Amino acid sequence: MASALRSEQRSADRRRPAPRSIASVNARRRGEAQRTERSAAKRYPAGSSVESAHPSVVQQLPKPQAAPPWLKTLLSVQRASSFLTFSLIIGLLAVYGWTVYTQQRWGSAYSHLEALQKQERQMTAANEVLKNQMANQAELPDVGLMLPEPGNTVFLIPAPQRPPVEPEVNLPLPQPIPARPLGY
């Protein structure tokens, strides 16, 4: 019976962990880390890859070597070709935009020209129709128009020549020039 109480008490202790302080939690973690290090040292002999990958051992990285001249040349050629490609793309886009713009302008100007030519044809046709109507009306006897005859001609006598008149010019009086300079 005593053993049953003890096992119940232990299971109850496992269910409810006691509140711990931060210092005790940190100490517990350090102890676990030391035990892990000891077990790793027992499993792997000294000089193995696990020991060299240990976070407390810092290895110096090798110094970068200078790039060979052919690689430097290739890099400079790559930069130059990238710049040239970018410049050509920008130029191509500019020429394409200019071409599209001029085609649109030409198309609108051409349609305007066609509209003006159509108006010209319509006005010419309307003018000829009016001339024809006037000619037909002039031939009617009740309109009162007569054919020109030398006896019906009216002569006008020109007016006598007048002498030319000169226009009056009202200019302002000249201002005297000051003796001293006004400014520099």
C-alpha atoms as a PDB file:
ATOM      1  CA  MET A   1       0.000   0.000   0.000  1.00  0.00           C
ATOM      2  CA  ALA A   2       2.848   2.339   0.767  1.00  0.00           C
ATOM      3  CA  SER A   3       4.418   1.581  -2.589  1.00  0.00           C
ATOM      4  CA  ALA A   4       1.117   2.369  -4.361  1.00  0.00           C
ATOM      5  CA  LEU A   5       0.964   5.771  -2.641  1.00  0.00           C
ATOM      6  CA  ARG A   6       4.543   6.502  -3.629  1.00  0.00           C
ATOM      7  CA  SER A   7       3.909   5.612  -7.301  1.00  0.00           C
ATOM      8  CA  GLU A   8       0.764   7.824  -7.342  1.00  0.00           C
ATOM      9  CA  GLN A   9       2.729  10.653  -5.752  1.00  0.00           C
ATOM     10  CA  ARG A  10       5.500  10.285  -8.359  1.00  0.00           C
ATOM     11  CA  SER A  11       3.002  10.283 -11.237  1.00  0.00           C
ATOM     12  CA  ALA A  12       1.326  13.361  -9.763  1.00  0.00           C
ATOM     13  CA  ASP A  13       4.740  15.062  -9.548  1.00  0.00           C
ATOM     14  CA  ARG A  14       5.331  14.245 -13.185  1.00  0.00           C
ATOM     15  CA  ARG A  15       2.014  15.781 -14.191  1.00  0.00           C
ATOM     16  CA  ARG A  16       2.604  19.058 -12.356  1.00  0.00           C
ATOM     17  CA  PRO A  17       6.124  20.349 -12.835  1.00  0.00           C
ATOM     18  CA  ALA A  18       7.274  22.658 -10.122  1.00  0.00           C
ATOM     19  CA  PRO A  19       7.884  26.259 -11.091  1.00  0.00           C
ATOM     20  CA  ARG A  20      11.575  26.822 -11.827  1.00  0.00           C
ATOM     21  CA  SER A  21      13.719  29.903 -11.962  1.00  0.00           C
ATOM     22  CA  ILE A  22      15.591  30.994 -15.072  1.00  0.00           C
ATOM     23  CA  ALA A  23      18.936  30.297 -13.422  1.00  0.00           C
ATOM     24  CA  SER A  24      17.969  26.704 -12.680  1.00  0.00           C
ATOM     25  CA  VAL A  25      16.785  26.177 -16.265  1.00  0.00           C
ATOM     26  CA  ASN A  26      20.092  27.578 -17.618  1.00  0.00           C
ATOM     27  CA  ALA A  27      22.127  25.376 -15.268  1.00  0.00           C
ATOM     28  CA  ARG A  28      20.141  22.343 -16.349  1.00  0.00           C
ATOM     29  CA  ARG A  29      20.790  23.145 -20.046  1.00  0.00           C
ATOM     30  CA  ARG A  30      24.537  23.534 -19.418  1.00  0.00           C
ATOM     31  CA  GLY A  31      24.660  20.179 -17.716  1.00  0.00           C
ATOM     32  CA  GLU A  32      22.868  18.565 -20.669  1.00  0.00           C
ATOM     33  CA  ALA A  33      25.297  20.201 -23.119  1.00  0.00           C
ATOM     34  CA  GLN A  34      28.294  18.916 -21.136  1.00  0.00           C
ATOM     35  CA  ARG A  35      26.868  15.405 -21.077  1.00  0.00           C
ATOM     36  CA  THR A  36      26.282  15.556 -24.844  1.00  0.00           C
ATOM     37  CA  GLU A  37      29.880  16.670 -25.393  1.00  0.00           C
ATOM     38  CA  ARG A  38      31.223  13.835 -23.253  1.00  0.00           C
ATOM     39  CA  SER A  39      29.103  11.243 -25.030  1.00  0.00           C
ATOM     40  CA  ALA A  40      30.218  12.596 -28.416  1.00  0.00           C
ATOM     41  CA  ALA A  41      33.857  12.490 -27.330  1.00  0.00           C
ATOM     42  CA  LYS A  42      33.438   8.822 -26.276  1.00  0.00           C
ATOM     43  CA  ARG A  43      31.768   7.840 -29.554  1.00  0.00           C
ATOM     44  CA  TYR A  44      34.119   9.652 -31.973  1.00  0.00           C
ATOM     45  CA  PRO A  45      37.902   9.594 -31.619  1.00  0.00           C
ATOM     46  CA  ALA A  46      39.957  12.804 -31.684  1.00  0.00           C
ATOM     47  CA  GLY A  47      40.549  14.351 -35.135  1.00  0.00           C
ATOM     48  CA  SER A  48      37.292  13.074 -36.612  1.00  0.00           C
ATOM     49  CA  SER A  49      34.946  15.226 -38.692  1.00  0.00           C
ATOM     50  CA  VAL A  50      32.422  15.585 -35.864  1.00  0.00           C
ATOM     51  CA  GLU A  51      35.006  17.159 -33.595  1.00  0.00           C
ATOM     52  CA  SER A  52      36.148  19.593 -36.319  1.00  0.00           C
ATOM     53  CA  ALA A  53      32.512  20.632 -36.908  1.00  0.00           C
ATOM     54  CA  HIS A  54      32.101  21.413 -33.194  1.00  0.00           C
ATOM     55  CA  PRO A  55      30.912  25.024 -32.742  1.00  0.00           C
ATOM     56  CA  SER A  56      33.645  25.889 -30.235  1.00  0.00           C
ATOM     57  CA  VAL A  57      36.384  25.255 -32.825  1.00  0.00           C
ATOM     58  CA  VAL A  58      36.635  28.072 -35.399  1.00  0.00           C
ATOM     59  CA  GLN A  59      38.511  27.334 -38.573  1.00  0.00           C
ATOM     60  CA  GLN A  60      39.939  30.096 -40.712  1.00  0.00           C
ATOM     61  CA  LEU A  61      38.624  30.207 -44.252  1.00  0.00           C
ATOM     62  CA  PRO A  62      41.200  30.001 -47.002  1.00  0.00           C
ATOM     63  CA  LYS A  63      42.243  33.300 -48.620  1.00  0.00           C
ATOM     64  CA  PRO A  64      40.589  33.907 -51.975  1.00  0.00           C
ATOM     65  CA  GLN A  65      42.976  33.537 -54.855  1.00  0.00           C
ATOM     66  CA  ALA A  66      43.332  36.199 -57.513  1.00  0.00           C
ATOM     67  CA  ALA A  67      41.307  35.467 -60.618  1.00  0.00           C
ATOM     68  CA  PRO A  68      43.351  34.417 -63.651  1.00  0.00           C
ATOM     69  CA  PRO A  69      43.752  36.994 -66.439  1.00  0.00           C
ATOM     70  CA  TRP A  70      41.602  35.045 -68.899  1.00  0.00           C
ATOM     71  CA  LEU A  71      38.721  35.092 -66.390  1.00  0.00           C
ATOM     72  CA  LYS A  72      39.118  38.842 -65.892  1.00  0.00           C
ATOM     73  CA  THR A  73      39.057  39.296 -69.665  1.00  0.00           C
ATOM     74  CA  LEU A  74      35.907  37.203 -69.967  1.00  0.00           C
ATOM     75  CA  LEU A  75      34.231  39.214 -67.202  1.00  0.00           C
ATOM     76  CA  SER A  76      35.085  42.504 -68.908  1.00  0.00           C
ATOM     77  CA  VAL A  77      33.804  41.145 -72.240  1.00  0.00           C
ATOM     78  CA  GLN A  78      30.597  40.079 -70.487  1.00  0.00           C
ATOM     79  CA  ARG A  79      30.114  43.542 -68.974  1.00  0.00           C
ATOM     80  CA  ALA A  80      30.784  45.237 -72.315  1.00  0.00           C
ATOM     81  CA  SER A  81      28.415  42.929 -74.184  1.00  0.00           C
ATOM     82  CA  SER A  82      25.725  43.405 -71.530  1.00  0.00           C
ATOM     83  CA  PHE A  83      26.036  47.188 -71.858  1.00  0.00           C
ATOM     84  CA  LEU A  84      25.998  46.946 -75.651  1.00  0.00           C
ATOM     85  CA  THR A  85      22.943  44.661 -75.578  1.00  0.00           C
ATOM     86  CA  PHE A  86      21.098  46.992 -73.217  1.00  0.00           C
ATOM     87  CA  SER A  87      21.971  49.995 -75.418  1.00  0.00           C
ATOM     88  CA  LEU A  88      20.803  48.187 -78.551  1.00  0.00           C
ATOM     89  CA  ILE A  89      17.516  47.230 -76.901  1.00  0.00           C
ATOM     90  CA  ILE A  90      16.899  50.833 -75.847  1.00  0.00           C
ATOM     91  CA  GLY A  91      17.754  52.029 -79.366  1.00  0.00           C
ATOM     92  CA  LEU A  92      15.514  49.391 -80.919  1.00  0.00           C
ATOM     93  CA  LEU A  93      12.596  50.420 -78.719  1.00  0.00           C
ATOM     94  CA  ALA A  94      13.159  54.085 -79.607  1.00  0.00           C
ATOM     95  CA  VAL A  95      13.208  53.329 -83.360  1.00  0.00           C
ATOM     96  CA  TYR A  96      10.126  51.133 -83.040  1.00  0.00           C
ATOM     97  CA  GLY A  97       8.249  53.847 -81.143  1.00  0.00           C
ATOM     98  CA  TRP A  98       9.286  56.473 -83.686  1.00  0.00           C
ATOM     99  CA  THR A  99       8.165  54.220 -86.565  1.00  0.00           C
ATOM    100  CA  VAL A 100       4.766  53.579 -84.996  1.00  0.00           C
ATOM    101  CA  TYR A 101       4.332  57.294 -84.233  1.00  0.00           C
ATOM    102  CA  THR A 102       5.207  58.382 -87.795  1.00  0.00           C
ATOM    103  CA  GLN A 103       2.894  55.745 -89.286  1.00  0.00           C
ATOM    104  CA  GLN A 104       0.032  56.983 -87.121  1.00  0.00           C
ATOM    105  CA  ARG A 105       0.741  60.599 -88.088  1.00  0.00           C
ATOM    106  CA  TRP A 106       0.996  59.668 -91.775  1.00  0.00           C
ATOM    107  CA  GLY A 107      -2.271  57.709 -91.576  1.00  0.00           C
ATOM    108  CA  SER A 108      -4.142  60.608 -89.973  1.00  0.00           C
ATOM    109  CA  ALA A 109      -2.663  63.112 -92.477  1.00  0.00           C
ATOM    110  CA  TYR A 110      -3.590  60.839 -95.395  1.00  0.00           C
ATOM    111  CA  SER A 111      -7.181  60.467 -94.193  1.00  0.00           C
ATOM    112  CA  HIS A 112      -7.365  64.273 -93.823  1.00  0.00           C
ATOM    113  CA  LEU A 113      -6.037  64.646 -97.402  1.00  0.00           C
ATOM    114  CA  GLU A 114      -8.664  62.213 -98.692  1.00  0.00           C
ATOM    115  CA  ALA A 115     -11.396  64.171 -96.880  1.00  0.00           C
ATOM    116  CA  LEU A 116     -10.173  67.423 -98.453  1.00  0.00           C
ATOM    117  CA  GLN A 117     -10.064  65.863-101.927  1.00  0.00           C
ATOM    118  CA  LYS A 118     -13.621  64.591-101.459  1.00  0.00           C
ATOM    119  CA  GLN A 119     -14.763  68.087-100.423  1.00  0.00           C
ATOM    120  CA  GLU A 120     -12.994  69.551-103.470  1.00  0.00           C
ATOM    121  CA  ARG A 121     -14.815  67.151-105.814  1.00  0.00           C
ATOM    122  CA  GLN A 122     -18.132  67.951-104.125  1.00  0.00           C
ATOM    123  CA  MET A 123     -17.547  71.704-104.390  1.00  0.00           C
ATOM    124  CA  THR A 124     -16.524  71.414-108.054  1.00  0.00           C
ATOM    125  CA  ALA A 125     -19.666  69.428-108.793  1.00  0.00           C
ATOM    126  CA  ALA A 126     -21.848  71.923-106.890  1.00  0.00           C
ATOM    127  CA  ASN A 127     -20.202  74.837-108.743  1.00  0.00           C
ATOM    128  CA  GLU A 128     -20.905  73.223-112.128  1.00  0.00           C
ATOM    129  CA  VAL A 129     -24.518  72.547-111.148  1.00  0.00           C
ATOM    130  CA  LEU A 130     -24.959  76.216-110.188  1.00  0.00           C
ATOM    131  CA  LYS A 131     -23.408  77.369-113.480  1.00  0.00           C
ATOM    132  CA  ASN A 132     -25.769  75.099-115.393  1.00  0.00           C
ATOM    133  CA  GLN A 133     -28.808  76.402-113.461  1.00  0.00           C
ATOM    134  CA  MET A 134     -27.770  80.012-114.087  1.00  0.00           C
ATOM    135  CA  ALA A 135     -27.294  79.307-117.798  1.00  0.00           C
ATOM    136  CA  ASN A 136     -30.701  77.641-118.024  1.00  0.00           C
ATOM    137  CA  GLN A 137     -32.367  80.573-116.218  1.00  0.00           C
ATOM    138  CA  ALA A 138     -30.641  83.088-118.461  1.00  0.00           C
ATOM    139  CA  GLU A 139     -32.128  81.431-121.543  1.00  0.00           C
ATOM    140  CA  LEU A 140     -35.712  81.863-120.261  1.00  0.00           C
ATOM    141  CA  PRO A 141     -37.488  84.837-121.900  1.00  0.00           C
ATOM    142  CA  ASP A 142     -39.310  86.093-118.766  1.00  0.00           C
ATOM    143  CA  VAL A 143     -36.091  86.674-116.775  1.00  0.00           C
ATOM    144  CA  GLY A 144     -35.339  89.972-118.520  1.00  0.00           C
ATOM    145  CA  LEU A 145     -31.793  89.284-119.584  1.00  0.00           C
ATOM    146  CA  MET A 146     -30.724  90.382-123.041  1.00  0.00           C
ATOM    147  CA  LEU A 147     -27.946  89.310-125.279  1.00  0.00           C
ATOM    148  CA  PRO A 148     -25.107  91.811-125.426  1.00  0.00           C
ATOM    149  CA  GLU A 149     -25.248  94.091-128.489  1.00  0.00           C
ATOM    150  CA  PRO A 150     -22.997  96.949-129.450  1.00  0.00           C
ATOM    151  CA  GLY A 151     -25.875  99.383-129.046  1.00  0.00           C
ATOM    152  CA  ASN A 152     -26.572  98.296-125.473  1.00  0.00           C
ATOM    153  CA  THR A 153     -23.001  98.774-124.319  1.00  0.00           C
ATOM    154  CA  VAL A 154     -22.467 101.277-121.518  1.00  0.00           C
ATOM    155  CA  PHE A 155     -19.263 103.293-121.599  1.00  0.00           C
ATOM    156  CA  LEU A 156     -17.929 104.979-118.500  1.00  0.00           C
ATOM    157  CA  ILE A 157     -15.800 108.121-118.647  1.00  0.00           C
ATOM    158  CA  PRO A 158     -12.789 107.988-116.353  1.00  0.00           C
ATOM    159  CA  ALA A 159     -12.522 110.554-113.579  1.00  0.00           C
ATOM    160  CA  PRO A 160      -9.953 113.392-114.027  1.00  0.00           C
ATOM    161  CA  GLN A 161      -6.490 112.838-112.626  1.00  0.00           C
ATOM    162  CA  ARG A 162      -5.960 114.281-109.142  1.00  0.00           C
ATOM    163  CA  PRO A 163      -2.562 115.347-107.863  1.00  0.00           C
ATOM    164  CA  PRO A 164      -1.011 112.897-105.401  1.00  0.00           C
ATOM    165  CA  VAL A 165      -1.337 113.843-101.748  1.00  0.00           C
ATOM    166  CA  GLU A 166       1.571 113.293 -99.437  1.00  0.00           C
ATOM    167  CA  PRO A 167       0.598 111.896 -96.056  1.00  0.00           C
ATOM    168  CA  GLU A 168       1.291 113.939 -92.995  1.00  0.00           C
ATOM    169  CA  VAL A 169       3.819 112.416 -90.701  1.00  0.00           C
ATOM    170  CA  ASN A 170       3.596 113.336 -87.028  1.00  0.00           C
ATOM    171  CA  LEU A 171       6.917 112.328 -85.539  1.00  0.00           C
ATOM    172  CA  PRO A 172       7.775 113.168 -81.935  1.00  0.00           C
ATOM    173  CA  LEU A 173      10.401 115.820 -81.435  1.00  0.00           C
ATOM    174  CA  PRO A 174      13.904 114.417 -81.016  1.00  0.00           C
ATOM    175  CA  GLN A 175      15.116 114.250 -77.438  1.00  0.00           C
ATOM    176  CA  PRO A 176      18.511 115.757 -76.650  1.00  0.00           C
ATOM    177  CA  ILE A 177      21.179 113.187 -75.766  1.00  0.00           C
ATOM    178  CA  PRO A 178      22.379 113.602 -72.147  1.00  0.00           C
ATOM    179  CA  ALA A 179      26.004 114.583 -71.681  1.00  0.00           C
ATOM    180  CA  ARG A 180      26.719 112.005 -68.981  1.00  0.00           C
ATOM    181  CA  PRO A 181      26.319 108.241 -69.178  1.00  0.00           C
ATOM    182  CA  LEU A 182      23.142 106.772 -67.692  1.00  0.00           C
ATOM    183  CA  GLY A 183      24.695 103.582 -66.382  1.00  0.00           C
ATOM    184  CA  TYR A 184      27.163 100.852 -66.949  1.00  0.00           C
END
